[in-house]
């Protein structure tokens, strides 16, 4: 299901997508592991 773009979009729409700012995500406890990515800065890129 996750191999195709349509499949990934379907999963995101089903479990993660939200139209309200600040609304929590409701995902299965055993199925997903969400890791926050630290935002990069221009300093990190040495630009």
ModelCIF file with pLDDT and N, C-alpha, C, O atoms, coordinates in Angstrom:
data_MODEL
#
_entry.id   MODEL 
#
_entity.id                         1 
_entity.type                       polymer 
_entity.pdbx_number_of_molecules   1 
#
_entity_poly.entity_id                      1 
_entity_poly.type                           'polypeptide(L)' 
_entity_poly.nstd_linkage                   no 
_entity_poly.nstd_monomer                   no 
_entity_poly.pdbx_seq_one_letter_code       
;(UNK)(UNK)(UNK)(UNK)(UNK)(UNK)(UNK)(UNK)(UNK)(UNK)(UNK)(UNK)(UNK)(UNK)(UNK)(UNK)
(UNK)(UNK)(UNK)(UNK)(UNK)(UNK)(UNK)(UNK)(UNK)(UNK)(UNK)(UNK)(UNK)(UNK)(UNK)(UNK)
(UNK)(UNK)(UNK)(UNK)(UNK)(UNK)(UNK)(UNK)(UNK)(UNK)(UNK)(UNK)(UNK)(UNK)(UNK)
;
_entity_poly.pdbx_seq_one_letter_code_can   XXXXXXXXXXXXXXXXXXXXXXXXXXXXXXXXXXXXXXXXXXXXXXX 
_entity_poly.pdbx_strand_id                 A 
#
loop_
_entity_poly_seq.entity_id 
_entity_poly_seq.num 
_entity_poly_seq.mon_id 
_entity_poly_seq.hetero 
1 1  UNK n 
1 2  UNK n 
1 3  UNK n 
1 4  UNK n 
1 5  UNK n 
1 6  UNK n 
1 7  UNK n 
1 8  UNK n 
1 9  UNK n 
1 10 UNK n 
1 11 UNK n 
1 12 UNK n 
1 13 UNK n 
1 14 UNK n 
1 15 UNK n 
1 16 UNK n 
1 17 UNK n 
1 18 UNK n 
1 19 UNK n 
1 20 UNK n 
1 21 UNK n 
1 22 UNK n 
1 23 UNK n 
1 24 UNK n 
1 25 UNK n 
1 26 UNK n 
1 27 UNK n 
1 28 UNK n 
1 29 UNK n 
1 30 UNK n 
1 31 UNK n 
1 32 UNK n 
1 33 UNK n 
1 34 UNK n 
1 35 UNK n 
1 36 UNK n 
1 37 UNK n 
1 38 UNK n 
1 39 UNK n 
1 40 UNK n 
1 41 UNK n 
1 42 UNK n 
1 43 UNK n 
1 44 UNK n 
1 45 UNK n 
1 46 UNK n 
1 47 UNK n 
#
_struct_asym.id          A 
_struct_asym.entity_id   1 
#
loop_
_ma_qa_metric.id 
_ma_qa_metric.mode 
_ma_qa_metric.name 
_ma_qa_metric.software_group_id 
_ma_qa_metric.type 
1 global pLDDT . pLDDT 
2 local  pLDDT . pLDDT 
#
_ma_qa_metric_global.metric_id      1 
_ma_qa_metric_global.metric_value   61.77 
_ma_qa_metric_global.model_id       1 
_ma_qa_metric_global.ordinal_id     1 
#
loop_
_ma_qa_metric_local.label_asym_id 
_ma_qa_metric_local.label_comp_id 
_ma_qa_metric_local.label_seq_id 
_ma_qa_metric_local.metric_id 
_ma_qa_metric_local.metric_value 
_ma_qa_metric_local.model_id 
_ma_qa_metric_local.ordinal_id 
A UNK 1  2 63.00 1 1  
A UNK 2  2 63.00 1 2  
A UNK 3  2 64.00 1 3  
A UNK 4  2 70.00 1 4  
A UNK 5  2 72.00 1 5  
A UNK 6  2 76.00 1 6  
A UNK 7  2 71.00 1 7  
A UNK 8  2 68.00 1 8  
A UNK 9  2 74.00 1 9  
A UNK 10 2 71.00 1 10 
A UNK 11 2 66.00 1 11 
A UNK 12 2 68.00 1 12 
A UNK 13 2 70.00 1 13 
A UNK 14 2 63.00 1 14 
A UNK 15 2 60.00 1 15 
A UNK 16 2 60.00 1 16 
A UNK 17 2 63.00 1 17 
A UNK 18 2 56.00 1 18 
A UNK 19 2 54.00 1 19 
A UNK 20 2 59.00 1 20 
A UNK 21 2 57.00 1 21 
A UNK 22 2 56.00 1 22 
A UNK 23 2 59.00 1 23 
A UNK 24 2 62.00 1 24 
A UNK 25 2 62.00 1 25 
A UNK 26 2 59.00 1 26 
A UNK 27 2 62.00 1 27 
A UNK 28 2 62.00 1 28 
A UNK 29 2 61.00 1 29 
A UNK 30 2 61.00 1 30 
A UNK 31 2 60.00 1 31 
A UNK 32 2 63.00 1 32 
A UNK 33 2 65.00 1 33 
A UNK 34 2 64.00 1 34 
A UNK 35 2 63.00 1 35 
A UNK 36 2 61.00 1 36 
A UNK 37 2 58.00 1 37 
A UNK 38 2 60.00 1 38 
A UNK 39 2 59.00 1 39 
A UNK 40 2 57.00 1 40 
A UNK 41 2 58.00 1 41 
A UNK 42 2 53.00 1 42 
A UNK 43 2 58.00 1 43 
A UNK 44 2 53.00 1 44 
A UNK 45 2 53.00 1 45 
A UNK 46 2 51.00 1 46 
A UNK 47 2 55.00 1 47 
#
loop_
_atom_site.group_PDB 
_atom_site.id 
_atom_site.type_symbol 
_atom_site.label_atom_id 
_atom_site.label_alt_id 
_atom_site.label_comp_id 
_atom_site.label_asym_id 
_atom_site.label_entity_id 
_atom_site.label_seq_id 
_atom_site.pdbx_PDB_ins_code 
_atom_site.Cartn_x 
_atom_site.Cartn_y 
_atom_site.Cartn_z 
_atom_site.occupancy 
_atom_site.B_iso_or_equiv 
_atom_site.pdbx_formal_charge 
_atom_site.auth_seq_id 
_atom_site.auth_comp_id 
_atom_site.auth_asym_id 
_atom_site.auth_atom_id 
_atom_site.pdbx_PDB_model_num 
ATOM 1   N N  . UNK A 1 1  ? 0.819  -1.206 0.000  1.00 63.00 ? 1  UNK A N  1 
ATOM 2   C CA . UNK A 1 1  ? 0.000  0.000  0.000  1.00 63.00 ? 1  UNK A CA 1 
ATOM 3   C C  . UNK A 1 1  ? 0.858  1.263  0.000  1.00 63.00 ? 1  UNK A C  1 
ATOM 4   O O  . UNK A 1 1  ? 0.463  2.294  -0.545 1.00 63.00 ? 1  UNK A O  1 
ATOM 5   N N  . UNK A 1 2  ? 2.033  1.170  0.617  1.00 63.00 ? 2  UNK A N  1 
ATOM 6   C CA . UNK A 1 2  ? 2.903  2.348  0.752  1.00 63.00 ? 2  UNK A CA 1 
ATOM 7   C C  . UNK A 1 2  ? 3.845  2.509  -0.432 1.00 63.00 ? 2  UNK A C  1 
ATOM 8   O O  . UNK A 1 2  ? 4.577  3.496  -0.511 1.00 63.00 ? 2  UNK A O  1 
ATOM 9   N N  . UNK A 1 3  ? 3.836  1.551  -1.355 1.00 64.00 ? 3  UNK A N  1 
ATOM 10  C CA . UNK A 1 3  ? 4.788  1.572  -2.452 1.00 64.00 ? 3  UNK A CA 1 
ATOM 11  C C  . UNK A 1 3  ? 4.447  2.614  -3.502 1.00 64.00 ? 3  UNK A C  1 
ATOM 12  O O  . UNK A 1 3  ? 5.338  3.125  -4.180 1.00 64.00 ? 3  UNK A O  1 
ATOM 13  N N  . UNK A 1 4  ? 3.186  2.929  -3.640 1.00 70.00 ? 4  UNK A N  1 
ATOM 14  C CA . UNK A 1 4  ? 2.780  3.876  -4.675 1.00 70.00 ? 4  UNK A CA 1 
ATOM 15  C C  . UNK A 1 4  ? 2.455  5.235  -4.060 1.00 70.00 ? 4  UNK A C  1 
ATOM 16  O O  . UNK A 1 4  ? 2.165  5.353  -2.869 1.00 70.00 ? 4  UNK A O  1 
ATOM 17  N N  . UNK A 1 5  ? 2.515  6.253  -4.915 1.00 72.00 ? 5  UNK A N  1 
ATOM 18  C CA . UNK A 1 5  ? 2.205  7.610  -4.456 1.00 72.00 ? 5  UNK A CA 1 
ATOM 19  C C  . UNK A 1 5  ? 0.753  7.709  -4.019 1.00 72.00 ? 5  UNK A C  1 
ATOM 20  O O  . UNK A 1 5  ? 0.441  8.361  -3.023 1.00 72.00 ? 5  UNK A O  1 
ATOM 21  N N  . UNK A 1 6  ? -0.138 7.058  -4.770 1.00 76.00 ? 6  UNK A N  1 
ATOM 22  C CA . UNK A 1 6  ? -1.557 7.102  -4.409 1.00 76.00 ? 6  UNK A CA 1 
ATOM 23  C C  . UNK A 1 6  ? -1.791 6.433  -3.060 1.00 76.00 ? 6  UNK A C  1 
ATOM 24  O O  . UNK A 1 6  ? -2.617 6.878  -2.262 1.00 76.00 ? 6  UNK A O  1 
ATOM 25  N N  . UNK A 1 7  ? -1.044 5.350  -2.821 1.00 71.00 ? 7  UNK A N  1 
ATOM 26  C CA . UNK A 1 7  ? -1.197 4.659  -1.544 1.00 71.00 ? 7  UNK A CA 1 
ATOM 27  C C  . UNK A 1 7  ? -0.733 5.514  -0.387 1.00 71.00 ? 7  UNK A C  1 
ATOM 28  O O  . UNK A 1 7  ? -1.395 5.574  0.649  1.00 71.00 ? 7  UNK A O  1 
ATOM 29  N N  . UNK A 1 8  ? 0.416  6.187  -0.554 1.00 68.00 ? 8  UNK A N  1 
ATOM 30  C CA . UNK A 1 8  ? 0.924  7.043  0.513  1.00 68.00 ? 8  UNK A CA 1 
ATOM 31  C C  . UNK A 1 8  ? -0.035 8.210  0.772  1.00 68.00 ? 8  UNK A C  1 
ATOM 32  O O  . UNK A 1 8  ? -0.284 8.579  1.920  1.00 68.00 ? 8  UNK A O  1 
ATOM 33  N N  . UNK A 1 9  ? -0.563 8.777  -0.303 1.00 74.00 ? 9  UNK A N  1 
ATOM 34  C CA . UNK A 1 9  ? -1.504 9.886  -0.153 1.00 74.00 ? 9  UNK A CA 1 
ATOM 35  C C  . UNK A 1 9  ? -2.757 9.434  0.586  1.00 74.00 ? 9  UNK A C  1 
ATOM 36  O O  . UNK A 1 9  ? -3.306 10.168 1.408  1.00 74.00 ? 9  UNK A O  1 
ATOM 37  N N  . UNK A 1 10 ? -3.200 8.221  0.286  1.00 71.00 ? 10 UNK A N  1 
ATOM 38  C CA . UNK A 1 10 ? -4.391 7.690  0.940  1.00 71.00 ? 10 UNK A CA 1 
ATOM 39  C C  . UNK A 1 10 ? -4.168 7.532  2.440  1.00 71.00 ? 10 UNK A C  1 
ATOM 40  O O  . UNK A 1 10 ? -5.041 7.858  3.245  1.00 71.00 ? 10 UNK A O  1 
ATOM 41  N N  . UNK A 1 11 ? -2.984 7.027  2.809  1.00 66.00 ? 11 UNK A N  1 
ATOM 42  C CA . UNK A 1 11 ? -2.678 6.860  4.231  1.00 66.00 ? 11 UNK A CA 1 
ATOM 43  C C  . UNK A 1 11 ? -2.590 8.203  4.944  1.00 66.00 ? 11 UNK A C  1 
ATOM 44  O O  . UNK A 1 11 ? -3.085 8.355  6.060  1.00 66.00 ? 11 UNK A O  1 
ATOM 45  N N  . UNK A 1 12 ? -1.957 9.176  4.295  1.00 68.00 ? 12 UNK A N  1 
ATOM 46  C CA . UNK A 1 12 ? -1.837 10.494 4.903  1.00 68.00 ? 12 UNK A CA 1 
ATOM 47  C C  . UNK A 1 12 ? -3.206 11.133 5.095  1.00 68.00 ? 12 UNK A C  1 
ATOM 48  O O  . UNK A 1 12 ? -3.480 11.739 6.131  1.00 68.00 ? 12 UNK A O  1 
ATOM 49  N N  . UNK A 1 13 ? -4.059 10.993 4.088  1.00 70.00 ? 13 UNK A N  1 
ATOM 50  C CA . UNK A 1 13 ? -5.399 11.566 4.191  1.00 70.00 ? 13 UNK A CA 1 
ATOM 51  C C  . UNK A 1 13 ? -6.220 10.879 5.282  1.00 70.00 ? 13 UNK A C  1 
ATOM 52  O O  . UNK A 1 13 ? -7.040 11.509 5.949  1.00 70.00 ? 13 UNK A O  1 
ATOM 53  N N  . UNK A 1 14 ? -5.983 9.574  5.451  1.00 63.00 ? 14 UNK A N  1 
ATOM 54  C CA . UNK A 1 14 ? -6.775 8.799  6.392  1.00 63.00 ? 14 UNK A CA 1 
ATOM 55  C C  . UNK A 1 14 ? -6.388 9.065  7.839  1.00 63.00 ? 14 UNK A C  1 
ATOM 56  O O  . UNK A 1 14 ? -7.250 9.177  8.710  1.00 63.00 ? 14 UNK A O  1 
ATOM 57  N N  . UNK A 1 15 ? -5.067 9.167  8.096  1.00 60.00 ? 15 UNK A N  1 
ATOM 58  C CA . UNK A 1 15 ? -4.624 9.217  9.489  1.00 60.00 ? 15 UNK A CA 1 
ATOM 59  C C  . UNK A 1 15 ? -4.053 10.576 9.935  1.00 60.00 ? 15 UNK A C  1 
ATOM 60  O O  . UNK A 1 15 ? -4.129 10.924 11.113 1.00 60.00 ? 15 UNK A O  1 
ATOM 61  N N  . UNK A 1 16 ? -3.490 11.330 9.005  1.00 60.00 ? 16 UNK A N  1 
ATOM 62  C CA . UNK A 1 16 ? -2.675 12.463 9.429  1.00 60.00 ? 16 UNK A CA 1 
ATOM 63  C C  . UNK A 1 16 ? -3.243 13.815 9.005  1.00 60.00 ? 16 UNK A C  1 
ATOM 64  O O  . UNK A 1 16 ? -3.195 14.773 9.777  1.00 60.00 ? 16 UNK A O  1 
ATOM 65  N N  . UNK A 1 17 ? -3.777 13.904 7.792  1.00 63.00 ? 17 UNK A N  1 
ATOM 66  C CA . UNK A 1 17 ? -4.196 15.211 7.280  1.00 63.00 ? 17 UNK A CA 1 
ATOM 67  C C  . UNK A 1 17 ? -5.268 15.824 8.170  1.00 63.00 ? 17 UNK A C  1 
ATOM 68  O O  . UNK A 1 17 ? -6.190 15.146 8.622  1.00 63.00 ? 17 UNK A O  1 
ATOM 69  N N  . UNK A 1 18 ? -5.123 17.138 8.411  1.00 56.00 ? 18 UNK A N  1 
ATOM 70  C CA . UNK A 1 18 ? -6.084 17.867 9.234  1.00 56.00 ? 18 UNK A CA 1 
ATOM 71  C C  . UNK A 1 18 ? -6.279 19.248 8.653  1.00 56.00 ? 18 UNK A C  1 
ATOM 72  O O  . UNK A 1 18 ? -5.330 19.858 8.161  1.00 56.00 ? 18 UNK A O  1 
ATOM 73  N N  . UNK A 1 19 ? -7.477 19.737 8.704  1.00 54.00 ? 19 UNK A N  1 
ATOM 74  C CA . UNK A 1 19 ? -7.781 21.063 8.173  1.00 54.00 ? 19 UNK A CA 1 
ATOM 75  C C  . UNK A 1 19 ? -7.760 22.136 9.250  1.00 54.00 ? 19 UNK A C  1 
ATOM 76  O O  . UNK A 1 19 ? -7.813 23.324 8.935  1.00 54.00 ? 19 UNK A O  1 
ATOM 77  N N  . UNK A 1 20 ? -7.683 21.740 10.511 1.00 59.00 ? 20 UNK A N  1 
ATOM 78  C CA . UNK A 1 20 ? -7.707 22.687 11.614 1.00 59.00 ? 20 UNK A CA 1 
ATOM 79  C C  . UNK A 1 20 ? -6.310 22.838 12.205 1.00 59.00 ? 20 UNK A C  1 
ATOM 80  O O  . UNK A 1 20 ? -5.649 21.847 12.517 1.00 59.00 ? 20 UNK A O  1 
ATOM 81  N N  . UNK A 1 21 ? -5.855 24.113 12.360 1.00 57.00 ? 21 UNK A N  1 
ATOM 82  C CA . UNK A 1 21 ? -4.542 24.367 12.942 1.00 57.00 ? 21 UNK A CA 1 
ATOM 83  C C  . UNK A 1 21 ? -4.516 23.896 14.393 1.00 57.00 ? 21 UNK A C  1 
ATOM 84  O O  . UNK A 1 21 ? -5.413 24.226 15.168 1.00 57.00 ? 21 UNK A O  1 
ATOM 85  N N  . UNK A 1 22 ? -3.501 23.134 14.760 1.00 56.00 ? 22 UNK A N  1 
ATOM 86  C CA . UNK A 1 22 ? -3.347 22.675 16.129 1.00 56.00 ? 22 UNK A CA 1 
ATOM 87  C C  . UNK A 1 22 ? -4.113 21.418 16.449 1.00 56.00 ? 22 UNK A C  1 
ATOM 88  O O  . UNK A 1 22 ? -3.976 20.898 17.556 1.00 56.00 ? 22 UNK A O  1 
ATOM 89  N N  . UNK A 1 23 ? -4.918 20.900 15.532 1.00 59.00 ? 23 UNK A N  1 
ATOM 90  C CA . UNK A 1 23 ? -5.698 19.697 15.786 1.00 59.00 ? 23 UNK A CA 1 
ATOM 91  C C  . UNK A 1 23 ? -4.768 18.489 15.855 1.00 59.00 ? 23 UNK A C  1 
ATOM 92  O O  . UNK A 1 23 ? -3.942 18.317 14.959 1.00 59.00 ? 23 UNK A O  1 
ATOM 93  N N  . UNK A 1 24 ? -4.869 17.650 16.878 1.00 62.00 ? 24 UNK A N  1 
ATOM 94  C CA . UNK A 1 24 ? -3.957 16.504 17.025 1.00 62.00 ? 24 UNK A CA 1 
ATOM 95  C C  . UNK A 1 24 ? -4.211 15.447 15.955 1.00 62.00 ? 24 UNK A C  1 
ATOM 96  O O  . UNK A 1 24 ? -5.309 15.351 15.406 1.00 62.00 ? 24 UNK A O  1 
ATOM 97  N N  . UNK A 1 25 ? -3.182 14.657 15.669 1.00 62.00 ? 25 UNK A N  1 
ATOM 98  C CA . UNK A 1 25 ? -3.306 13.548 14.727 1.00 62.00 ? 25 UNK A CA 1 
ATOM 99  C C  . UNK A 1 25 ? -3.795 12.307 15.473 1.00 62.00 ? 25 UNK A C  1 
ATOM 100 O O  . UNK A 1 25 ? -3.361 12.037 16.593 1.00 62.00 ? 25 UNK A O  1 
ATOM 101 N N  . UNK A 1 26 ? -4.687 11.567 14.855 1.00 59.00 ? 26 UNK A N  1 
ATOM 102 C CA . UNK A 1 26 ? -5.178 10.317 15.414 1.00 59.00 ? 26 UNK A CA 1 
ATOM 103 C C  . UNK A 1 26 ? -4.643 9.185  14.541 1.00 59.00 ? 26 UNK A C  1 
ATOM 104 O O  . UNK A 1 26 ? -5.122 8.978  13.426 1.00 59.00 ? 26 UNK A O  1 
ATOM 105 N N  . UNK A 1 27 ? -3.630 8.440  15.059 1.00 62.00 ? 27 UNK A N  1 
ATOM 106 C CA . UNK A 1 27 ? -3.021 7.364  14.290 1.00 62.00 ? 27 UNK A CA 1 
ATOM 107 C C  . UNK A 1 27 ? -2.968 6.108  15.139 1.00 62.00 ? 27 UNK A C  1 
ATOM 108 O O  . UNK A 1 27 ? -2.948 6.195  16.367 1.00 62.00 ? 27 UNK A O  1 
ATOM 109 N N  . UNK A 1 28 ? -2.945 4.924  14.499 1.00 62.00 ? 28 UNK A N  1 
ATOM 110 C CA . UNK A 1 28 ? -2.846 3.669  15.252 1.00 62.00 ? 28 UNK A CA 1 
ATOM 111 C C  . UNK A 1 28 ? -1.549 3.615  16.045 1.00 62.00 ? 28 UNK A C  1 
ATOM 112 O O  . UNK A 1 28 ? -0.494 3.987  15.531 1.00 62.00 ? 28 UNK A O  1 
ATOM 113 N N  . UNK A 1 29 ? -1.614 3.157  17.291 1.00 61.00 ? 29 UNK A N  1 
ATOM 114 C CA . UNK A 1 29 ? -0.438 3.138  18.161 1.00 61.00 ? 29 UNK A CA 1 
ATOM 115 C C  . UNK A 1 29 ? 0.627  2.198  17.640 1.00 61.00 ? 29 UNK A C  1 
ATOM 116 O O  . UNK A 1 29 ? 1.816  2.489  17.768 1.00 61.00 ? 29 UNK A O  1 
ATOM 117 N N  . UNK A 1 30 ? 0.225  1.059  17.046 1.00 61.00 ? 30 UNK A N  1 
ATOM 118 C CA . UNK A 1 30 ? 1.183  0.066  16.609 1.00 61.00 ? 30 UNK A CA 1 
ATOM 119 C C  . UNK A 1 30 ? 1.632  0.261  15.173 1.00 61.00 ? 30 UNK A C  1 
ATOM 120 O O  . UNK A 1 30 ? 2.633  -0.328 14.764 1.00 61.00 ? 30 UNK A O  1 
ATOM 121 N N  . UNK A 1 31 ? 0.931  1.059  14.405 1.00 60.00 ? 31 UNK A N  1 
ATOM 122 C CA . UNK A 1 31 ? 1.203  1.108  12.974 1.00 60.00 ? 31 UNK A CA 1 
ATOM 123 C C  . UNK A 1 31 ? 2.167  2.198  12.535 1.00 60.00 ? 31 UNK A C  1 
ATOM 124 O O  . UNK A 1 31 ? 2.819  2.066  11.500 1.00 60.00 ? 31 UNK A O  1 
ATOM 125 N N  . UNK A 1 32 ? 2.266  3.286  13.318 1.00 63.00 ? 32 UNK A N  1 
ATOM 126 C CA . UNK A 1 32 ? 3.053  4.423  12.886 1.00 63.00 ? 32 UNK A CA 1 
ATOM 127 C C  . UNK A 1 32 ? 4.023  4.869  13.971 1.00 63.00 ? 32 UNK A C  1 
ATOM 128 O O  . UNK A 1 32 ? 3.769  4.706  15.164 1.00 63.00 ? 32 UNK A O  1 
ATOM 129 N N  . UNK A 1 33 ? 5.125  5.429  13.531 1.00 65.00 ? 33 UNK A N  1 
ATOM 130 C CA . UNK A 1 33 ? 6.079  6.068  14.440 1.00 65.00 ? 33 UNK A CA 1 
ATOM 131 C C  . UNK A 1 33 ? 6.455  7.406  13.814 1.00 65.00 ? 33 UNK A C  1 
ATOM 132 O O  . UNK A 1 33 ? 7.112  7.441  12.773 1.00 65.00 ? 33 UNK A O  1 
ATOM 133 N N  . UNK A 1 34 ? 6.047  8.494  14.435 1.00 64.00 ? 34 UNK A N  1 
ATOM 134 C CA . UNK A 1 34 ? 6.267  9.828  13.880 1.00 64.00 ? 34 UNK A CA 1 
ATOM 135 C C  . UNK A 1 34 ? 7.510  10.445 14.513 1.00 64.00 ? 34 UNK A C  1 
ATOM 136 O O  . UNK A 1 34 ? 7.619  10.549 15.734 1.00 64.00 ? 34 UNK A O  1 
ATOM 137 N N  . UNK A 1 35 ? 8.423  10.843 13.675 1.00 63.00 ? 35 UNK A N  1 
ATOM 138 C CA . UNK A 1 35 ? 9.670  11.470 14.131 1.00 63.00 ? 35 UNK A CA 1 
ATOM 139 C C  . UNK A 1 35 ? 9.709  12.900 13.600 1.00 63.00 ? 35 UNK A C  1 
ATOM 140 O O  . UNK A 1 35 ? 9.559  13.107 12.395 1.00 63.00 ? 35 UNK A O  1 
ATOM 141 N N  . UNK A 1 36 ? 9.908  13.891 14.471 1.00 61.00 ? 36 UNK A N  1 
ATOM 142 C CA . UNK A 1 36 ? 9.997  15.286 14.066 1.00 61.00 ? 36 UNK A CA 1 
ATOM 143 C C  . UNK A 1 36 ? 11.384 15.588 13.522 1.00 61.00 ? 36 UNK A C  1 
ATOM 144 O O  . UNK A 1 36 ? 12.393 15.220 14.124 1.00 61.00 ? 36 UNK A O  1 
ATOM 145 N N  . UNK A 1 37 ? 11.425 16.249 12.394 1.00 58.00 ? 37 UNK A N  1 
ATOM 146 C CA . UNK A 1 37 ? 12.697 16.633 11.779 1.00 58.00 ? 37 UNK A CA 1 
ATOM 147 C C  . UNK A 1 37 ? 13.063 18.042 12.229 1.00 58.00 ? 37 UNK A C  1 
ATOM 148 O O  . UNK A 1 37 ? 12.261 18.967 12.097 1.00 58.00 ? 37 UNK A O  1 
ATOM 149 N N  . UNK A 1 38 ? 14.259 18.205 12.753 1.00 60.00 ? 38 UNK A N  1 
ATOM 150 C CA . UNK A 1 38 ? 14.719 19.527 13.172 1.00 60.00 ? 38 UNK A CA 1 
ATOM 151 C C  . UNK A 1 38 ? 14.861 20.426 11.949 1.00 60.00 ? 38 UNK A C  1 
ATOM 152 O O  . UNK A 1 38 ? 15.555 20.067 10.998 1.00 60.00 ? 38 UNK A O  1 
ATOM 153 N N  . UNK A 1 39 ? 14.215 21.583 11.961 1.00 59.00 ? 39 UNK A N  1 
ATOM 154 C CA . UNK A 1 39 ? 14.292 22.473 10.791 1.00 59.00 ? 39 UNK A CA 1 
ATOM 155 C C  . UNK A 1 39 ? 15.732 22.898 10.516 1.00 59.00 ? 39 UNK A C  1 
ATOM 156 O O  . UNK A 1 39 ? 16.468 23.268 11.431 1.00 59.00 ? 39 UNK A O  1 
ATOM 157 N N  . UNK A 1 40 ? 16.114 22.842 9.268  1.00 57.00 ? 40 UNK A N  1 
ATOM 158 C CA . UNK A 1 40 ? 17.439 23.308 8.870  1.00 57.00 ? 40 UNK A CA 1 
ATOM 159 C C  . UNK A 1 40 ? 17.417 24.816 8.676  1.00 57.00 ? 40 UNK A C  1 
ATOM 160 O O  . UNK A 1 40 ? 16.384 25.401 8.350  1.00 57.00 ? 40 UNK A O  1 
ATOM 161 N N  . UNK A 1 41 ? 18.547 25.420 8.876  1.00 58.00 ? 41 UNK A N  1 
ATOM 162 C CA . UNK A 1 41 ? 18.697 26.849 8.628  1.00 58.00 ? 41 UNK A CA 1 
ATOM 163 C C  . UNK A 1 41 ? 19.717 27.052 7.529  1.00 58.00 ? 41 UNK A C  1 
ATOM 164 O O  . UNK A 1 41 ? 20.435 26.125 7.152  1.00 58.00 ? 41 UNK A O  1 
ATOM 165 N N  . UNK A 1 42 ? 19.780 28.289 7.008  1.00 53.00 ? 42 UNK A N  1 
ATOM 166 C CA . UNK A 1 42 ? 20.790 28.591 5.993  1.00 53.00 ? 42 UNK A CA 1 
ATOM 167 C C  . UNK A 1 42 ? 22.194 28.429 6.558  1.00 53.00 ? 42 UNK A C  1 
ATOM 168 O O  . UNK A 1 42 ? 23.142 28.166 5.819  1.00 53.00 ? 42 UNK A O  1 
ATOM 169 N N  . UNK A 1 43 ? 22.323 28.588 7.886  1.00 58.00 ? 43 UNK A N  1 
ATOM 170 C CA . UNK A 1 43 ? 23.635 28.378 8.509  1.00 58.00 ? 43 UNK A CA 1 
ATOM 171 C C  . UNK A 1 43 ? 24.033 26.916 8.422  1.00 58.00 ? 43 UNK A C  1 
ATOM 172 O O  . UNK A 1 43 ? 25.197 26.598 8.175  1.00 58.00 ? 43 UNK A O  1 
ATOM 173 N N  . UNK A 1 44 ? 23.052 26.008 8.629  1.00 53.00 ? 44 UNK A N  1 
ATOM 174 C CA . UNK A 1 44 ? 23.338 24.577 8.514  1.00 53.00 ? 44 UNK A CA 1 
ATOM 175 C C  . UNK A 1 44 ? 23.816 24.222 7.112  1.00 53.00 ? 44 UNK A C  1 
ATOM 176 O O  . UNK A 1 44 ? 24.663 23.346 6.943  1.00 53.00 ? 44 UNK A O  1 
ATOM 177 N N  . UNK A 1 45 ? 23.274 24.901 6.112  1.00 53.00 ? 45 UNK A N  1 
ATOM 178 C CA . UNK A 1 45 ? 23.658 24.617 4.732  1.00 53.00 ? 45 UNK A CA 1 
ATOM 179 C C  . UNK A 1 45 ? 24.923 25.365 4.309  1.00 53.00 ? 45 UNK A C  1 
ATOM 180 O O  . UNK A 1 45 ? 25.409 25.183 3.193  1.00 53.00 ? 45 UNK A O  1 
ATOM 181 N N  . UNK A 1 46 ? 25.451 26.203 5.196  1.00 51.00 ? 46 UNK A N  1 
ATOM 182 C CA . UNK A 1 46 ? 26.652 27.003 4.916  1.00 51.00 ? 46 UNK A CA 1 
ATOM 183 C C  . UNK A 1 46 ? 26.474 27.916 3.706  1.00 51.00 ? 46 UNK A C  1 
ATOM 184 O O  . UNK A 1 46 ? 27.442 28.278 3.037  1.00 51.00 ? 46 UNK A O  1 
ATOM 185 N N  . UNK A 1 47 ? 25.214 28.282 3.437  1.00 55.00 ? 47 UNK A N  1 
ATOM 186 C CA . UNK A 1 47 ? 24.938 29.156 2.294  1.00 55.00 ? 47 UNK A CA 1 
ATOM 187 C C  . UNK A 1 47 ? 25.451 30.565 2.552  1.00 55.00 ? 47 UNK A C  1 
ATOM 188 O O  . UNK A 1 47 ? 25.306 31.440 1.698  1.00 55.00 ? 47 UNK A O  1 
#
